[in-house]
């Protein structure tokens, strides 16, 4: 029985998937966070949204985070109590920074915290739940575990490998005011690609792992792509223009996730400042976020109740 008044606080990083050539495989966690507080209450479940999505996303049981908490409880055959959720959302919605994946992970991690002492949810179970809810693991793996992740699936389910990024790599996220539907972006992908393009991306994906972990000076070549960005360019002309401008000046710019944001993977902090200035001079309406790679991933702190004290994990 989950004690009345038990409260959990969850923090989940933004993510950028694909990273150029690593389509549906590579993802990176970024130091930009959504925070969620969930408390067991007697009254009907209620949701308060502050920041991104306020006034837009549901504030009842149809809320994505609530549905993910409920799904996790059902997965483990546990009874869901009434909850009060307060979501402080910083991650922009429909911009290619993993907002839906962050919501999924927030719900699962909240459930993990609420169920602490009742059952233990393993890292693999977290990934399986998140992939089941999100549909693919490339965003949820870095959101859960932090760092640079390689994600794949086989007959046993989803898997991931976490890698540590070279300390010189300096991410810059360029965020426009307009949104992009992930489903629309995916619909622009062809069902098959030329053999030469597939080989090209295999080579660049392998090179990208080396560039991100050992040799940041290779990032411009390593972020070349022929599998998805060109096909989506017509739907995001300004995004394409930003990328071409950045790359023409030697900056490793790619579509962030499904877009329309642009991720620049600078090889050092000075190069990132140069890229941010270039964006400010040419696209002042775009927001420039100078971020770090998040290495921790999602965290949950458990506050048992006023009488039981506090704990954390």
C-alpha atoms as a PDB file:
ATOM      1  CA  UNK A   1       0.000   0.000   0.000  1.00  0.00           C
ATOM      2  CA  UNK A   2       1.501   3.324  -1.066  1.00  0.00           C
ATOM      3  CA  UNK A   3       1.316   5.725   1.889  1.00  0.00           C
ATOM      4  CA  UNK A   4      -0.874   8.800   1.570  1.00  0.00           C
ATOM      5  CA  UNK A   5       1.338  11.858   1.177  1.00  0.00           C
ATOM      6  CA  UNK A   6       4.222  10.034  -0.489  1.00  0.00           C
ATOM      7  CA  UNK A   7       5.813  12.442  -2.915  1.00  0.00           C
ATOM      8  CA  UNK A   8       8.355  11.943  -5.694  1.00  0.00           C
ATOM      9  CA  UNK A   9      10.315  14.476  -7.694  1.00  0.00           C
ATOM     10  CA  UNK A  10      11.514  13.528 -11.165  1.00  0.00           C
ATOM     11  CA  UNK A  11      13.982  15.341 -13.409  1.00  0.00           C
ATOM     12  CA  UNK A  12      14.344  14.317 -17.076  1.00  0.00           C
ATOM     13  CA  UNK A  13      16.782  15.743 -19.655  1.00  0.00           C
ATOM     14  CA  UNK A  14      15.977  16.865 -23.171  1.00  0.00           C
ATOM     15  CA  UNK A  15      17.409  14.697 -25.904  1.00  0.00           C
ATOM     16  CA  UNK A  16      18.455  15.002 -29.523  1.00  0.00           C
ATOM     17  CA  UNK A  17      18.031  11.889 -31.646  1.00  0.00           C
ATOM     18  CA  UNK A  18      19.704  10.820 -34.902  1.00  0.00           C
ATOM     19  CA  UNK A  19      22.646  13.254 -34.599  1.00  0.00           C
ATOM     20  CA  UNK A  20      22.850  13.330 -38.384  1.00  0.00           C
ATOM     21  CA  UNK A  21      23.603   9.848 -39.763  1.00  0.00           C
ATOM     22  CA  UNK A  22      22.500   7.762 -36.754  1.00  0.00           C
ATOM     23  CA  UNK A  23      18.846   7.601 -37.806  1.00  0.00           C
ATOM     24  CA  UNK A  24      16.613   5.895 -35.182  1.00  0.00           C
ATOM     25  CA  UNK A  25      19.763   4.628 -33.438  1.00  0.00           C
ATOM     26  CA  UNK A  26      21.808   7.382 -31.813  1.00  0.00           C
ATOM     27  CA  UNK A  27      20.671   9.868 -29.203  1.00  0.00           C
ATOM     28  CA  UNK A  28      22.216  12.292 -26.751  1.00  0.00           C
ATOM     29  CA  UNK A  29      20.962  13.707 -23.444  1.00  0.00           C
ATOM     30  CA  UNK A  30      21.218  17.472 -23.009  1.00  0.00           C
ATOM     31  CA  UNK A  31      21.347  19.658 -19.896  1.00  0.00           C
ATOM     32  CA  UNK A  32      17.845  21.086 -20.314  1.00  0.00           C
ATOM     33  CA  UNK A  33      15.181  19.585 -18.085  1.00  0.00           C
ATOM     34  CA  UNK A  34      11.550  18.923 -17.352  1.00  0.00           C
ATOM     35  CA  UNK A  35      10.752  18.510 -13.657  1.00  0.00           C
ATOM     36  CA  UNK A  36       7.765  16.691 -12.236  1.00  0.00           C
ATOM     37  CA  UNK A  37       6.373  16.366  -8.720  1.00  0.00           C
ATOM     38  CA  UNK A  38       3.835  13.632  -7.991  1.00  0.00           C
ATOM     39  CA  UNK A  39       2.061  13.206  -4.637  1.00  0.00           C
ATOM     40  CA  UNK A  40      -0.401  10.569  -3.433  1.00  0.00           C
ATOM     41  CA  UNK A  41      -3.641  12.334  -2.436  1.00  0.00           C
ATOM     42  CA  UNK A  42      -7.196  11.425  -1.409  1.00  0.00           C
ATOM     43  CA  UNK A  43      -9.011  13.516  -4.021  1.00  0.00           C
ATOM     44  CA  UNK A  44      -9.322  12.791  -7.738  1.00  0.00           C
ATOM     45  CA  UNK A  45      -6.128  12.858  -9.799  1.00  0.00           C
ATOM     46  CA  UNK A  46      -5.230  16.398 -10.847  1.00  0.00           C
ATOM     47  CA  UNK A  47      -2.522  17.875 -13.062  1.00  0.00           C
ATOM     48  CA  UNK A  48      -0.935  21.320 -13.101  1.00  0.00           C
ATOM     49  CA  UNK A  49       1.299  22.249 -16.040  1.00  0.00           C
ATOM     50  CA  UNK A  50       3.709  25.162 -15.759  1.00  0.00           C
ATOM     51  CA  UNK A  51       5.787  26.370 -18.705  1.00  0.00           C
ATOM     52  CA  UNK A  52       5.766  24.539 -22.028  1.00  0.00           C
ATOM     53  CA  UNK A  53       2.351  23.089 -22.846  1.00  0.00           C
ATOM     54  CA  UNK A  54       0.476  25.100 -20.201  1.00  0.00           C
ATOM     55  CA  UNK A  55      -3.080  25.601 -21.412  1.00  0.00           C
ATOM     56  CA  UNK A  56      -2.514  23.115 -24.244  1.00  0.00           C
ATOM     57  CA  UNK A  57      -1.893  19.647 -22.823  1.00  0.00           C
ATOM     58  CA  UNK A  58      -4.614  17.801 -20.872  1.00  0.00           C
ATOM     59  CA  UNK A  59      -4.791  18.273 -17.118  1.00  0.00           C
ATOM     60  CA  UNK A  60      -6.859  15.178 -16.356  1.00  0.00           C
ATOM     61  CA  UNK A  61      -6.305  11.431 -16.542  1.00  0.00           C
ATOM     62  CA  UNK A  62      -5.696  11.681 -20.301  1.00  0.00           C
ATOM     63  CA  UNK A  63      -2.440  13.552 -19.670  1.00  0.00           C
ATOM     64  CA  UNK A  64       0.502  11.635 -21.194  1.00  0.00           C
ATOM     65  CA  UNK A  65       2.477  11.528 -17.947  1.00  0.00           C
ATOM     66  CA  UNK A  66      -0.551  10.243 -16.028  1.00  0.00           C
ATOM     67  CA  UNK A  67      -1.164   7.580 -18.673  1.00  0.00           C
ATOM     68  CA  UNK A  68       2.464   6.461 -18.439  1.00  0.00           C
ATOM     69  CA  UNK A  69       2.267   6.199 -14.650  1.00  0.00           C
ATOM     70  CA  UNK A  70      -0.949   4.205 -14.982  1.00  0.00           C
ATOM     71  CA  UNK A  71       0.577   1.936 -17.646  1.00  0.00           C
ATOM     72  CA  UNK A  72       3.560   1.205 -15.420  1.00  0.00           C
ATOM     73  CA  UNK A  73       1.337   0.338 -12.475  1.00  0.00           C
ATOM     74  CA  UNK A  74      -0.717  -2.003 -14.664  1.00  0.00           C
ATOM     75  CA  UNK A  75       2.473  -3.581 -16.057  1.00  0.00           C
ATOM     76  CA  UNK A  76       3.379  -4.611 -12.505  1.00  0.00           C
ATOM     77  CA  UNK A  77      -0.220  -5.385 -11.472  1.00  0.00           C
ATOM     78  CA  UNK A  78      -0.325  -2.573  -8.916  1.00  0.00           C
ATOM     79  CA  UNK A  79      -3.296  -0.441  -7.910  1.00  0.00           C
ATOM     80  CA  UNK A  80      -2.920   3.208  -8.915  1.00  0.00           C
ATOM     81  CA  UNK A  81      -3.735   5.725  -6.140  1.00  0.00           C
ATOM     82  CA  UNK A  82      -5.105   9.208  -6.705  1.00  0.00           C
ATOM     83  CA  UNK A  83      -2.311  11.602  -7.578  1.00  0.00           C
ATOM     84  CA  UNK A  84      -1.503  15.285  -7.725  1.00  0.00           C
ATOM     85  CA  UNK A  85       0.984  16.145 -10.478  1.00  0.00           C
ATOM     86  CA  UNK A  86       2.829  19.419 -10.956  1.00  0.00           C
ATOM     87  CA  UNK A  87       4.829  19.506 -14.191  1.00  0.00           C
ATOM     88  CA  UNK A  88       7.426  22.229 -14.712  1.00  0.00           C
ATOM     89  CA  UNK A  89       8.101  21.876 -18.440  1.00  0.00           C
ATOM     90  CA  UNK A  90      11.110  23.526 -20.040  1.00  0.00           C
ATOM     91  CA  UNK A  91      11.604  21.265 -23.057  1.00  0.00           C
ATOM     92  CA  UNK A  92       9.867  22.837 -26.094  1.00  0.00           C
ATOM     93  CA  UNK A  93       7.080  20.735 -27.584  1.00  0.00           C
ATOM     94  CA  UNK A  94       7.266  19.447 -31.171  1.00  0.00           C
ATOM     95  CA  UNK A  95      10.720  20.958 -31.728  1.00  0.00           C
ATOM     96  CA  UNK A  96      12.913  17.848 -31.951  1.00  0.00           C
ATOM     97  CA  UNK A  97      14.191  17.915 -28.364  1.00  0.00           C
ATOM     98  CA  UNK A  98      12.472  14.791 -27.111  1.00  0.00           C
ATOM     99  CA  UNK A  99       9.542  16.346 -25.232  1.00  0.00           C
ATOM    100  CA  UNK A 100       7.236  13.336 -25.664  1.00  0.00           C
ATOM    101  CA  UNK A 101      10.018  10.933 -24.734  1.00  0.00           C
ATOM    102  CA  UNK A 102      10.737  13.048 -21.654  1.00  0.00           C
ATOM    103  CA  UNK A 103       7.061  12.873 -20.657  1.00  0.00           C
ATOM    104  CA  UNK A 104       7.071   9.088 -21.054  1.00  0.00           C
ATOM    105  CA  UNK A 105      10.248   8.740 -19.005  1.00  0.00           C
ATOM    106  CA  UNK A 106       8.920  11.155 -16.359  1.00  0.00           C
ATOM    107  CA  UNK A 107       5.820   9.019 -15.898  1.00  0.00           C
ATOM    108  CA  UNK A 108       7.744   5.757 -15.653  1.00  0.00           C
ATOM    109  CA  UNK A 109      10.301   7.213 -13.244  1.00  0.00           C
ATOM    110  CA  UNK A 110       7.507   8.689 -11.109  1.00  0.00           C
ATOM    111  CA  UNK A 111       5.909   5.245 -10.930  1.00  0.00           C
ATOM    112  CA  UNK A 112       9.279   3.746  -9.980  1.00  0.00           C
ATOM    113  CA  UNK A 113       9.573   6.214  -7.121  1.00  0.00           C
ATOM    114  CA  UNK A 114       6.000   5.732  -5.936  1.00  0.00           C
ATOM    115  CA  UNK A 115       6.524   1.961  -5.876  1.00  0.00           C
ATOM    116  CA  UNK A 116       9.832   2.106  -4.005  1.00  0.00           C
ATOM    117  CA  UNK A 117       9.814  -0.421  -1.173  1.00  0.00           C
ATOM    118  CA  UNK A 118       6.982  -2.334  -2.845  1.00  0.00           C
ATOM    119  CA  UNK A 119       8.826  -3.581  -5.917  1.00  0.00           C
ATOM    120  CA  UNK A 120      12.070  -2.846  -7.737  1.00  0.00           C
ATOM    121  CA  UNK A 121      12.009  -1.768 -11.385  1.00  0.00           C
ATOM    122  CA  UNK A 122      15.232  -2.618 -13.216  1.00  0.00           C
ATOM    123  CA  UNK A 123      16.967  -0.474 -15.830  1.00  0.00           C
ATOM    124  CA  UNK A 124      16.000  -2.969 -18.527  1.00  0.00           C
ATOM    125  CA  UNK A 125      12.362  -2.858 -17.471  1.00  0.00           C
ATOM    126  CA  UNK A 126      12.464   0.941 -17.577  1.00  0.00           C
ATOM    127  CA  UNK A 127      13.741   0.791 -21.147  1.00  0.00           C
ATOM    128  CA  UNK A 128      11.160  -1.803 -22.167  1.00  0.00           C
ATOM    129  CA  UNK A 129       8.320   0.250 -20.706  1.00  0.00           C
ATOM    130  CA  UNK A 130       9.538   3.489 -22.271  1.00  0.00           C
ATOM    131  CA  UNK A 131      10.034   1.888 -25.684  1.00  0.00           C
ATOM    132  CA  UNK A 132       6.596   0.280 -25.535  1.00  0.00           C
ATOM    133  CA  UNK A 133       5.018   3.658 -24.774  1.00  0.00           C
ATOM    134  CA  UNK A 134       7.130   5.822 -27.102  1.00  0.00           C
ATOM    135  CA  UNK A 135       7.398   3.368 -29.982  1.00  0.00           C
ATOM    136  CA  UNK A 136      11.190   3.392 -30.388  1.00  0.00           C
ATOM    137  CA  UNK A 137      14.153   3.667 -28.009  1.00  0.00           C
ATOM    138  CA  UNK A 138      16.390   6.322 -29.590  1.00  0.00           C
ATOM    139  CA  UNK A 139      14.973   9.213 -27.515  1.00  0.00           C
ATOM    140  CA  UNK A 140      14.008   7.387 -24.336  1.00  0.00           C
ATOM    141  CA  UNK A 141      17.370   5.632 -23.886  1.00  0.00           C
ATOM    142  CA  UNK A 142      19.394   8.865 -23.460  1.00  0.00           C
ATOM    143  CA  UNK A 143      16.560  10.420 -21.431  1.00  0.00           C
ATOM    144  CA  UNK A 144      16.674   7.469 -19.040  1.00  0.00           C
ATOM    145  CA  UNK A 145      20.406   6.867 -18.851  1.00  0.00           C
ATOM    146  CA  UNK A 146      22.138  10.064 -20.005  1.00  0.00           C
ATOM    147  CA  UNK A 147      25.174  10.523 -22.229  1.00  0.00           C
ATOM    148  CA  UNK A 148      25.402   9.306 -25.805  1.00  0.00           C
ATOM    149  CA  UNK A 149      23.387   6.148 -26.389  1.00  0.00           C
ATOM    150  CA  UNK A 150      23.249   3.547 -29.122  1.00  0.00           C
ATOM    151  CA  UNK A 151      19.817   1.907 -29.120  1.00  0.00           C
ATOM    152  CA  UNK A 152      18.635  -1.191 -30.945  1.00  0.00           C
ATOM    153  CA  UNK A 153      15.933  -3.845 -30.748  1.00  0.00           C
ATOM    154  CA  UNK A 154      15.909  -7.592 -31.319  1.00  0.00           C
ATOM    155  CA  UNK A 155      13.680 -10.567 -30.487  1.00  0.00           C
ATOM    156  CA  UNK A 156      14.453 -10.030 -26.783  1.00  0.00           C
ATOM    157  CA  UNK A 157      13.332  -6.392 -26.843  1.00  0.00           C
ATOM    158  CA  UNK A 158      15.085  -3.004 -26.746  1.00  0.00           C
ATOM    159  CA  UNK A 159      18.710  -2.521 -25.700  1.00  0.00           C
ATOM    160  CA  UNK A 160      21.117   0.351 -25.271  1.00  0.00           C
ATOM    161  CA  UNK A 161      24.795   1.092 -24.852  1.00  0.00           C
ATOM    162  CA  UNK A 162      25.781   4.268 -23.048  1.00  0.00           C
ATOM    163  CA  UNK A 163      28.959   6.055 -24.094  1.00  0.00           C
ATOM    164  CA  UNK A 164      30.696   9.034 -22.542  1.00  0.00           C
ATOM    165  CA  UNK A 165      31.167  12.030 -24.800  1.00  0.00           C
ATOM    166  CA  UNK A 166      34.556  13.721 -25.233  1.00  0.00           C
ATOM    167  CA  UNK A 167      34.758  16.746 -22.941  1.00  0.00           C
ATOM    168  CA  UNK A 168      35.498  19.057 -25.866  1.00  0.00           C
ATOM    169  CA  UNK A 169      32.115  18.428 -27.522  1.00  0.00           C
ATOM    170  CA  UNK A 170      29.959  21.501 -26.913  1.00  0.00           C
ATOM    171  CA  UNK A 171      26.283  21.218 -27.960  1.00  0.00           C
ATOM    172  CA  UNK A 172      24.340  24.227 -29.231  1.00  0.00           C
ATOM    173  CA  UNK A 173      20.596  23.834 -29.731  1.00  0.00           C
ATOM    174  CA  UNK A 174      18.946  26.356 -32.056  1.00  0.00           C
ATOM    175  CA  UNK A 175      15.193  26.434 -31.470  1.00  0.00           C
ATOM    176  CA  UNK A 176      12.664  28.199 -33.753  1.00  0.00           C
ATOM    177  CA  UNK A 177       9.221  29.440 -32.759  1.00  0.00           C
ATOM    178  CA  UNK A 178       7.397  27.074 -35.113  1.00  0.00           C
ATOM    179  CA  UNK A 179       6.705  23.385 -34.520  1.00  0.00           C
ATOM    180  CA  UNK A 180       7.057  20.218 -36.565  1.00  0.00           C
ATOM    181  CA  UNK A 181       4.979  17.073 -36.304  1.00  0.00           C
ATOM    182  CA  UNK A 182       7.121  13.988 -35.767  1.00  0.00           C
ATOM    183  CA  UNK A 183       4.580  11.846 -37.622  1.00  0.00           C
ATOM    184  CA  UNK A 184       4.675  14.253 -40.584  1.00  0.00           C
ATOM    185  CA  UNK A 185       8.477  14.203 -40.609  1.00  0.00           C
ATOM    186  CA  UNK A 186       8.476  10.397 -40.570  1.00  0.00           C
ATOM    187  CA  UNK A 187       5.922  10.244 -43.397  1.00  0.00           C
ATOM    188  CA  UNK A 188       8.414  11.997 -45.693  1.00  0.00           C
ATOM    189  CA  UNK A 189      10.863   9.099 -45.405  1.00  0.00           C
ATOM    190  CA  UNK A 190      11.043   6.668 -48.362  1.00  0.00           C
ATOM    191  CA  UNK A 191      10.602   2.967 -47.632  1.00  0.00           C
ATOM    192  CA  UNK A 192      13.961   2.169 -49.229  1.00  0.00           C
ATOM    193  CA  UNK A 193      17.113   4.108 -50.070  1.00  0.00           C
ATOM    194  CA  UNK A 194      19.883   3.608 -52.637  1.00  0.00           C
ATOM    195  CA  UNK A 195      22.634   1.168 -51.694  1.00  0.00           C
ATOM    196  CA  UNK A 196      25.293   3.891 -51.936  1.00  0.00           C
ATOM    197  CA  UNK A 197      23.374   6.080 -49.478  1.00  0.00           C
ATOM    198  CA  UNK A 198      23.054   3.216 -47.009  1.00  0.00           C
ATOM    199  CA  UNK A 199      26.799   2.531 -47.183  1.00  0.00           C
ATOM    200  CA  UNK A 200      27.493   6.258 -46.823  1.00  0.00           C
ATOM    201  CA  UNK A 201      25.462   6.442 -43.609  1.00  0.00           C
ATOM    202  CA  UNK A 202      26.986   3.310 -42.150  1.00  0.00           C
ATOM    203  CA  UNK A 203      30.441   4.851 -42.569  1.00  0.00           C
ATOM    204  CA  UNK A 204      29.374   8.204 -41.131  1.00  0.00           C
ATOM    205  CA  UNK A 205      27.612   6.610 -38.152  1.00  0.00           C
ATOM    206  CA  UNK A 206      30.747   4.658 -37.281  1.00  0.00           C
ATOM    207  CA  UNK A 207      32.840   7.796 -37.691  1.00  0.00           C
ATOM    208  CA  UNK A 208      30.401   9.779 -35.532  1.00  0.00           C
ATOM    209  CA  UNK A 209      30.949   7.459 -32.561  1.00  0.00           C
ATOM    210  CA  UNK A 210      34.698   8.055 -32.876  1.00  0.00           C
ATOM    211  CA  UNK A 211      34.216  11.808 -33.263  1.00  0.00           C
ATOM    212  CA  UNK A 212      31.937  12.138 -30.234  1.00  0.00           C
ATOM    213  CA  UNK A 213      34.000   9.955 -27.926  1.00  0.00           C
ATOM    214  CA  UNK A 214      37.606  10.514 -29.069  1.00  0.00           C
ATOM    215  CA  UNK A 215      38.107  12.932 -31.974  1.00  0.00           C
ATOM    216  CA  UNK A 216      35.768  15.964 -32.002  1.00  0.00           C
ATOM    217  CA  UNK A 217      37.744  17.498 -34.892  1.00  0.00           C
ATOM    218  CA  UNK A 218      36.021  14.937 -37.145  1.00  0.00           C
ATOM    219  CA  UNK A 219      32.489  16.058 -36.305  1.00  0.00           C
ATOM    220  CA  UNK A 220      31.792  17.977 -39.517  1.00  0.00           C
ATOM    221  CA  UNK A 221      32.439  14.943 -41.731  1.00  0.00           C
ATOM    222  CA  UNK A 222      30.931  12.553 -39.184  1.00  0.00           C
ATOM    223  CA  UNK A 223      27.539  14.318 -39.161  1.00  0.00           C
ATOM    224  CA  UNK A 224      26.909  14.018 -42.911  1.00  0.00           C
ATOM    225  CA  UNK A 225      23.666  12.203 -43.727  1.00  0.00           C
ATOM    226  CA  UNK A 226      21.809  10.848 -46.746  1.00  0.00           C
ATOM    227  CA  UNK A 227      19.033   8.835 -45.091  1.00  0.00           C
ATOM    228  CA  UNK A 228      16.543  11.320 -43.694  1.00  0.00           C
ATOM    229  CA  UNK A 229      17.460  15.018 -43.618  1.00  0.00           C
ATOM    230  CA  UNK A 230      17.281  15.659 -47.363  1.00  0.00           C
ATOM    231  CA  UNK A 231      13.856  14.021 -47.588  1.00  0.00           C
ATOM    232  CA  UNK A 232      12.501  16.254 -44.821  1.00  0.00           C
ATOM    233  CA  UNK A 233      14.138  19.465 -46.009  1.00  0.00           C
ATOM    234  CA  UNK A 234      11.193  20.669 -48.116  1.00  0.00           C
ATOM    235  CA  UNK A 235       8.918  20.583 -45.063  1.00  0.00           C
ATOM    236  CA  UNK A 236      11.429  22.601 -42.999  1.00  0.00           C
ATOM    237  CA  UNK A 237      13.025  25.130 -45.385  1.00  0.00           C
ATOM    238  CA  UNK A 238      14.267  27.450 -42.654  1.00  0.00           C
ATOM    239  CA  UNK A 239      15.788  24.541 -40.741  1.00  0.00           C
ATOM    240  CA  UNK A 240      17.561  23.446 -43.913  1.00  0.00           C
ATOM    241  CA  UNK A 241      18.819  26.999 -44.475  1.00  0.00           C
ATOM    242  CA  UNK A 242      20.212  27.205 -40.920  1.00  0.00           C
ATOM    243  CA  UNK A 243      21.989  23.870 -41.343  1.00  0.00           C
ATOM    244  CA  UNK A 244      23.513  24.837 -44.677  1.00  0.00           C
ATOM    245  CA  UNK A 245      24.713  28.176 -43.283  1.00  0.00           C
ATOM    246  CA  UNK A 246      26.282  26.499 -40.261  1.00  0.00           C
ATOM    247  CA  UNK A 247      27.964  23.752 -42.257  1.00  0.00           C
ATOM    248  CA  UNK A 248      29.280  26.219 -44.850  1.00  0.00           C
ATOM    249  CA  UNK A 249      31.160  27.897 -41.984  1.00  0.00           C
ATOM    250  CA  UNK A 250      32.568  24.602 -40.712  1.00  0.00           C
ATOM    251  CA  UNK A 251      30.050  23.887 -37.928  1.00  0.00           C
ATOM    252  CA  UNK A 252      28.642  20.355 -37.557  1.00  0.00           C
ATOM    253  CA  UNK A 253      24.930  21.160 -37.724  1.00  0.00           C
ATOM    254  CA  UNK A 254      22.146  18.570 -38.036  1.00  0.00           C
ATOM    255  CA  UNK A 255      18.384  18.361 -37.651  1.00  0.00           C
ATOM    256  CA  UNK A 256      17.632  17.763 -33.983  1.00  0.00           C
ATOM    257  CA  UNK A 257      15.398  14.704 -33.827  1.00  0.00           C
ATOM    258  CA  UNK A 258      12.490  15.202 -36.232  1.00  0.00           C
ATOM    259  CA  UNK A 259      13.083  18.968 -36.210  1.00  0.00           C
ATOM    260  CA  UNK A 260      12.604  21.795 -36.689  1.00  0.00           C
ATOM    261  CA  UNK A 261      15.347  22.624 -34.162  1.00  0.00           C
ATOM    262  CA  UNK A 262      18.977  22.414 -35.229  1.00  0.00           C
ATOM    263  CA  UNK A 263      21.714  20.797 -33.151  1.00  0.00           C
ATOM    264  CA  UNK A 264      25.261  22.069 -33.605  1.00  0.00           C
ATOM    265  CA  UNK A 265      27.952  19.755 -32.248  1.00  0.00           C
ATOM    266  CA  UNK A 266      30.877  22.114 -31.782  1.00  0.00           C
ATOM    267  CA  UNK A 267      34.313  20.611 -31.201  1.00  0.00           C
ATOM    268  CA  UNK A 268      35.151  23.090 -28.424  1.00  0.00           C
ATOM    269  CA  UNK A 269      33.472  25.959 -26.473  1.00  0.00           C
ATOM    270  CA  UNK A 270      35.021  28.688 -28.651  1.00  0.00           C
ATOM    271  CA  UNK A 271      33.618  27.177 -31.827  1.00  0.00           C
ATOM    272  CA  UNK A 272      30.201  26.994 -30.161  1.00  0.00           C
ATOM    273  CA  UNK A 273      30.293  30.709 -29.357  1.00  0.00           C
ATOM    274  CA  UNK A 274      31.116  31.412 -32.991  1.00  0.00           C
ATOM    275  CA  UNK A 275      28.194  29.275 -34.139  1.00  0.00           C
ATOM    276  CA  UNK A 276      25.808  30.967 -31.700  1.00  0.00           C
ATOM    277  CA  UNK A 277      26.908  34.386 -32.963  1.00  0.00           C
ATOM    278  CA  UNK A 278      26.372  33.268 -36.557  1.00  0.00           C
ATOM    279  CA  UNK A 279      22.840  32.169 -35.682  1.00  0.00           C
ATOM    280  CA  UNK A 280      22.106  35.390 -33.795  1.00  0.00           C
ATOM    281  CA  UNK A 281      23.270  37.531 -36.717  1.00  0.00           C
ATOM    282  CA  UNK A 282      21.284  35.637 -39.352  1.00  0.00           C
ATOM    283  CA  UNK A 283      18.325  34.125 -37.492  1.00  0.00           C
ATOM    284  CA  UNK A 284      17.715  36.338 -34.449  1.00  0.00           C
ATOM    285  CA  UNK A 285      14.219  34.883 -33.982  1.00  0.00           C
ATOM    286  CA  UNK A 286      15.730  31.482 -33.179  1.00  0.00           C
ATOM    287  CA  UNK A 287      16.608  30.790 -29.539  1.00  0.00           C
ATOM    288  CA  UNK A 288      20.202  29.645 -28.945  1.00  0.00           C
ATOM    289  CA  UNK A 289      20.708  27.237 -26.033  1.00  0.00           C
ATOM    290  CA  UNK A 290      24.316  26.631 -25.013  1.00  0.00           C
ATOM    291  CA  UNK A 291      24.058  23.246 -23.323  1.00  0.00           C
ATOM    292  CA  UNK A 292      26.189  20.476 -21.898  1.00  0.00           C
ATOM    293  CA  UNK A 293      25.848  16.745 -22.405  1.00  0.00           C
ATOM    294  CA  UNK A 294      23.823  15.342 -19.513  1.00  0.00           C
ATOM    295  CA  UNK A 295      25.564  12.243 -18.163  1.00  0.00           C
ATOM    296  CA  UNK A 296      23.107  11.261 -15.404  1.00  0.00           C
ATOM    297  CA  UNK A 297      19.848  10.803 -17.257  1.00  0.00           C
ATOM    298  CA  UNK A 298      16.521  10.801 -15.459  1.00  0.00           C
ATOM    299  CA  UNK A 299      16.539  10.948 -11.657  1.00  0.00           C
ATOM    300  CA  UNK A 300      13.868  10.421  -9.025  1.00  0.00           C
ATOM    301  CA  UNK A 301      13.888  11.504  -5.392  1.00  0.00           C
ATOM    302  CA  UNK A 302      11.366   9.896  -3.048  1.00  0.00           C
ATOM    303  CA  UNK A 303       9.862  11.763  -0.104  1.00  0.00           C
ATOM    304  CA  UNK A 304       7.968   9.051   1.780  1.00  0.00           C
ATOM    305  CA  UNK A 305       5.512  11.150   3.798  1.00  0.00           C
ATOM    306  CA  UNK A 306       5.682  13.643   6.616  1.00  0.00           C
ATOM    307  CA  UNK A 307       5.870  10.889   9.260  1.00  0.00           C
ATOM    308  CA  UNK A 308       8.026   8.368   7.447  1.00  0.00           C
ATOM    309  CA  UNK A 309      10.845  10.747   6.546  1.00  0.00           C
ATOM    310  CA  UNK A 310      12.550  10.938   3.184  1.00  0.00           C
ATOM    311  CA  UNK A 311      14.627   8.746   0.965  1.00  0.00           C
ATOM    312  CA  UNK A 312      16.050   8.887  -2.529  1.00  0.00           C
ATOM    313  CA  UNK A 313      17.577   6.994  -5.401  1.00  0.00           C
END
